[in-house]
Amino acid sequence: MLRAIRILLCTVFLTPLATVAAANTLERIFTQANVVDERTEQNVHYLLPLGRVKNDRKAGRAAPSHFERLQGNLAVVTWKLEGAISLQDARQLVLTFLERQKADLLFECEARDCGESSLWANGVFAQPLLFGSDRAQFMWVIRSREAPRYHVLYLVERPNRRLYFHEETLTVPAGEVSAAAAQTALHATGRVI
């Protein structure tokens, strides 16, 4: 009963915070943008991308070539960037923002090193608006040092020159560890708490 109450309280109070955190990220990077899609999901199994996207024929879906399995609360926001900003200027604004953060860069890619934009847009992010040129895409995956929070930032330019910025923020509840962290602890100490 007490556990159910804790879960309910975390759900009620953390969901708006995750969305606010995601919105605040964009406001600190870009001054002109419009939200085109926004959603939150609780207690999801998430594949944190740590490699280029590929079409996994065995699984029948697109997936990152390397990933970490995590579980937590997910906030997803997609913005259309407004104004006369170029793709390279937008990229530089994201890089400047990342330099000021207390976060670890886990993965980054650009252009064709990321894989096919259509696979990111439709297969991984489930947001067709993000389908752009394979040469005009950038992605960063960061982990906050202050809290168990991961951010996937994706910037793309469509053929019509419109820019879109997509952020997925996964907050891992306190006390939960990733599969990789559990495996490391198991090998080091022979047990996982």
Protein backbone atom coordinates (compact mmCIF):
# COMPACT_ATOMS: atom_id res chain seq x y z
CA MET A 1 0.00 0.00 0.00
CA LEU A 2 2.76 2.44 0.96
CA ARG A 3 4.63 1.56 -2.25
CA ALA A 4 1.51 2.28 -4.33
CA ILE A 5 1.16 5.69 -2.67
CA ARG A 6 4.83 6.51 -3.36
CA ILE A 7 4.45 5.53 -7.02
CA LEU A 8 1.31 7.63 -7.33
CA LEU A 9 2.99 10.66 -5.74
CA CYS A 10 6.05 10.30 -7.99
CA THR A 11 3.82 10.02 -11.05
CA VAL A 12 1.78 13.09 -10.13
CA PHE A 13 4.75 15.30 -9.27
CA LEU A 14 7.51 14.09 -11.62
CA THR A 15 5.57 14.08 -14.90
CA PRO A 16 5.12 17.87 -15.04
CA LEU A 17 8.73 18.35 -13.91
CA ALA A 18 10.09 16.22 -16.74
CA THR A 19 8.10 18.21 -19.29
CA VAL A 20 9.17 21.51 -17.74
CA ALA A 21 12.81 20.36 -17.76
CA ALA A 22 12.54 19.48 -21.44
CA ALA A 23 10.88 22.79 -22.29
CA ASN A 24 13.48 24.73 -20.33
CA THR A 25 16.25 23.00 -22.27
CA LEU A 26 14.98 24.34 -25.56
CA GLU A 27 14.31 27.84 -24.21
CA ARG A 28 17.94 28.00 -23.12
CA ILE A 29 19.15 26.98 -26.59
CA PHE A 30 16.78 28.58 -29.11
CA THR A 31 14.76 31.77 -28.71
CA GLN A 32 12.23 31.09 -31.47
CA ALA A 33 10.55 27.69 -31.67
CA ASN A 34 7.08 26.19 -31.67
CA VAL A 35 6.10 22.89 -30.05
CA VAL A 36 4.69 20.54 -32.69
CA ASP A 37 4.41 17.42 -30.53
CA GLU A 38 4.66 16.64 -26.84
CA ARG A 39 4.01 13.52 -24.79
CA THR A 40 4.97 11.80 -21.57
CA GLU A 41 5.04 8.13 -20.65
CA GLN A 42 5.49 6.54 -17.26
CA ASN A 43 7.56 3.49 -16.43
CA VAL A 44 8.71 2.74 -19.99
CA HIS A 45 11.42 0.39 -21.20
CA TYR A 46 13.75 2.58 -23.21
CA LEU A 47 16.68 1.91 -25.52
CA LEU A 48 19.15 4.77 -24.99
CA PRO A 49 20.84 5.17 -28.39
CA LEU A 50 24.64 4.93 -28.25
CA GLY A 51 25.27 4.18 -31.92
CA ARG A 52 24.00 4.83 -35.41
CA VAL A 53 20.56 3.58 -36.35
CA LYS A 54 20.18 0.46 -38.44
CA ASN A 55 17.33 -1.61 -39.75
CA ASP A 56 17.24 -4.79 -37.64
CA ARG A 57 15.70 -7.36 -39.97
CA LYS A 58 15.54 -10.04 -37.28
CA ALA A 59 13.51 -7.84 -34.94
CA GLY A 60 11.60 -6.27 -37.82
CA ARG A 61 12.26 -2.69 -36.71
CA ALA A 62 14.84 0.07 -36.69
CA ALA A 63 17.12 0.24 -33.65
CA PRO A 64 20.42 1.85 -32.65
CA SER A 65 23.45 -0.36 -33.36
CA HIS A 66 24.53 0.13 -29.72
CA PHE A 67 22.19 1.00 -26.88
CA GLU A 68 21.65 0.76 -23.15
CA ARG A 69 18.38 -0.63 -21.79
CA LEU A 70 16.81 1.65 -19.19
CA GLN A 71 13.46 2.01 -17.47
CA GLY A 72 11.94 5.27 -16.29
CA ASN A 73 9.67 8.19 -17.06
CA LEU A 74 9.94 9.63 -20.55
CA ALA A 75 9.18 13.16 -21.73
CA VAL A 76 9.29 13.78 -25.50
CA VAL A 77 9.06 17.18 -27.17
CA THR A 78 9.50 18.12 -30.84
CA TRP A 79 9.94 21.73 -31.91
CA LYS A 80 9.96 23.51 -35.24
CA LEU A 81 12.66 26.18 -35.18
CA GLU A 82 11.53 29.57 -36.44
CA GLY A 83 13.43 32.54 -37.78
CA ALA A 84 16.29 32.71 -40.22
CA ILE A 85 18.57 30.29 -38.40
CA SER A 86 20.74 27.93 -40.44
CA LEU A 87 21.42 24.30 -39.59
CA GLN A 88 25.06 25.06 -38.72
CA ASP A 89 24.07 27.99 -36.48
CA ALA A 90 21.52 25.79 -34.70
CA ARG A 91 24.17 23.08 -34.25
CA GLN A 92 26.57 25.63 -32.76
CA LEU A 93 23.90 26.82 -30.30
CA VAL A 94 23.36 23.22 -29.13
CA LEU A 95 27.12 22.68 -28.74
CA THR A 96 27.45 25.89 -26.72
CA PHE A 97 24.57 24.77 -24.50
CA LEU A 98 26.14 21.33 -23.98
CA GLU A 99 29.49 22.87 -22.96
CA ARG A 100 27.78 24.70 -20.08
CA GLN A 101 25.94 21.63 -18.76
CA LYS A 102 26.98 19.39 -15.92
CA ALA A 103 26.57 16.33 -18.09
CA ASP A 104 28.54 13.54 -19.70
CA LEU A 105 28.39 13.18 -23.46
CA LEU A 106 27.68 9.50 -24.12
CA PHE A 107 27.29 9.61 -27.89
CA GLU A 108 27.21 12.08 -30.74
CA CYS A 109 26.99 11.80 -34.49
CA GLU A 110 26.41 13.92 -37.52
CA ALA A 111 25.26 13.48 -41.08
CA ARG A 112 25.49 9.94 -42.45
CA ASP A 113 27.43 8.74 -39.39
CA CYS A 114 24.05 8.75 -37.60
CA GLY A 115 22.48 6.36 -40.09
CA GLU A 116 19.35 7.02 -42.11
CA SER A 117 17.21 9.96 -41.02
CA SER A 118 14.07 8.07 -42.06
CA LEU A 119 14.89 5.28 -39.58
CA TRP A 120 15.40 7.75 -36.72
CA ALA A 121 12.21 9.62 -37.61
CA ASN A 122 9.85 6.73 -38.22
CA GLY A 123 11.43 3.75 -36.50
CA VAL A 124 13.03 5.13 -33.35
CA PHE A 125 11.40 8.48 -32.53
CA ALA A 126 7.99 7.73 -34.12
CA GLN A 127 7.86 11.32 -35.40
CA PRO A 128 7.62 11.55 -39.24
CA LEU A 129 8.29 15.31 -39.16
CA LEU A 130 11.91 14.51 -38.32
CA PHE A 131 12.51 12.81 -41.68
CA GLY A 132 15.16 14.93 -43.35
CA SER A 133 18.32 14.60 -45.34
CA ASP A 134 20.83 12.07 -44.05
CA ARG A 135 23.50 14.76 -44.54
CA ALA A 136 21.62 17.34 -42.46
CA GLN A 137 21.21 15.66 -39.06
CA PHE A 138 22.96 15.81 -35.69
CA MET A 139 22.40 13.85 -32.50
CA TRP A 140 23.76 14.06 -28.96
CA VAL A 141 23.08 11.72 -26.04
CA ILE A 142 23.98 13.08 -22.60
CA ARG A 143 23.67 11.95 -19.00
CA SER A 144 23.21 14.49 -16.24
CA ARG A 145 25.74 14.34 -13.40
CA GLU A 146 23.25 15.79 -10.91
CA ALA A 147 20.37 13.34 -11.34
CA PRO A 148 19.71 10.00 -13.06
CA ARG A 149 18.46 11.75 -16.22
CA TYR A 150 19.34 11.11 -19.86
CA HIS A 151 18.70 13.42 -22.82
CA VAL A 152 18.64 12.49 -26.49
CA LEU A 153 18.86 15.63 -28.64
CA TYR A 154 18.23 15.37 -32.38
CA LEU A 155 18.51 18.26 -34.84
CA VAL A 156 17.50 17.82 -38.49
CA GLU A 157 16.86 19.91 -41.57
CA ARG A 158 14.11 18.77 -43.91
CA PRO A 159 14.40 19.14 -47.71
CA ASN A 160 12.15 22.24 -47.50
CA ARG A 161 14.84 23.87 -45.25
CA ARG A 162 12.69 23.71 -42.11
CA LEU A 163 14.60 22.82 -38.96
CA TYR A 164 13.26 20.53 -36.24
CA PHE A 165 14.71 19.85 -32.81
CA HIS A 166 13.64 16.75 -30.90
CA GLU A 167 14.39 15.95 -27.27
CA GLU A 168 13.70 12.78 -25.34
CA THR A 169 14.33 13.02 -21.60
CA LEU A 170 14.36 9.82 -19.58
CA THR A 171 14.34 10.15 -15.80
CA VAL A 172 15.30 6.96 -13.98
CA PRO A 173 13.65 6.69 -10.56
CA ALA A 174 16.00 6.72 -7.59
CA GLY A 175 17.24 3.29 -6.64
CA GLU A 176 16.91 1.77 -10.10
CA VAL A 177 20.03 0.89 -12.05
CA SER A 178 20.60 0.17 -15.71
CA ALA A 179 21.30 -3.33 -16.97
CA ALA A 180 24.93 -2.36 -17.63
CA ALA A 181 25.37 -0.93 -14.10
CA ALA A 182 23.82 -4.05 -12.57
CA GLN A 183 26.10 -6.29 -14.60
CA THR A 184 29.18 -4.25 -13.58
CA ALA A 185 28.21 -4.46 -9.91
CA LEU A 186 27.55 -8.16 -10.22
CA HIS A 187 30.98 -8.81 -11.72
CA ALA A 188 32.76 -6.55 -9.21
CA THR A 189 31.10 -7.70 -5.99
CA GLY A 190 29.15 -10.82 -6.90
CA ARG A 191 25.84 -9.22 -5.93
CA VAL A 192 23.46 -6.42 -6.86
CA ILE A 193 21.45 -4.46 -4.32
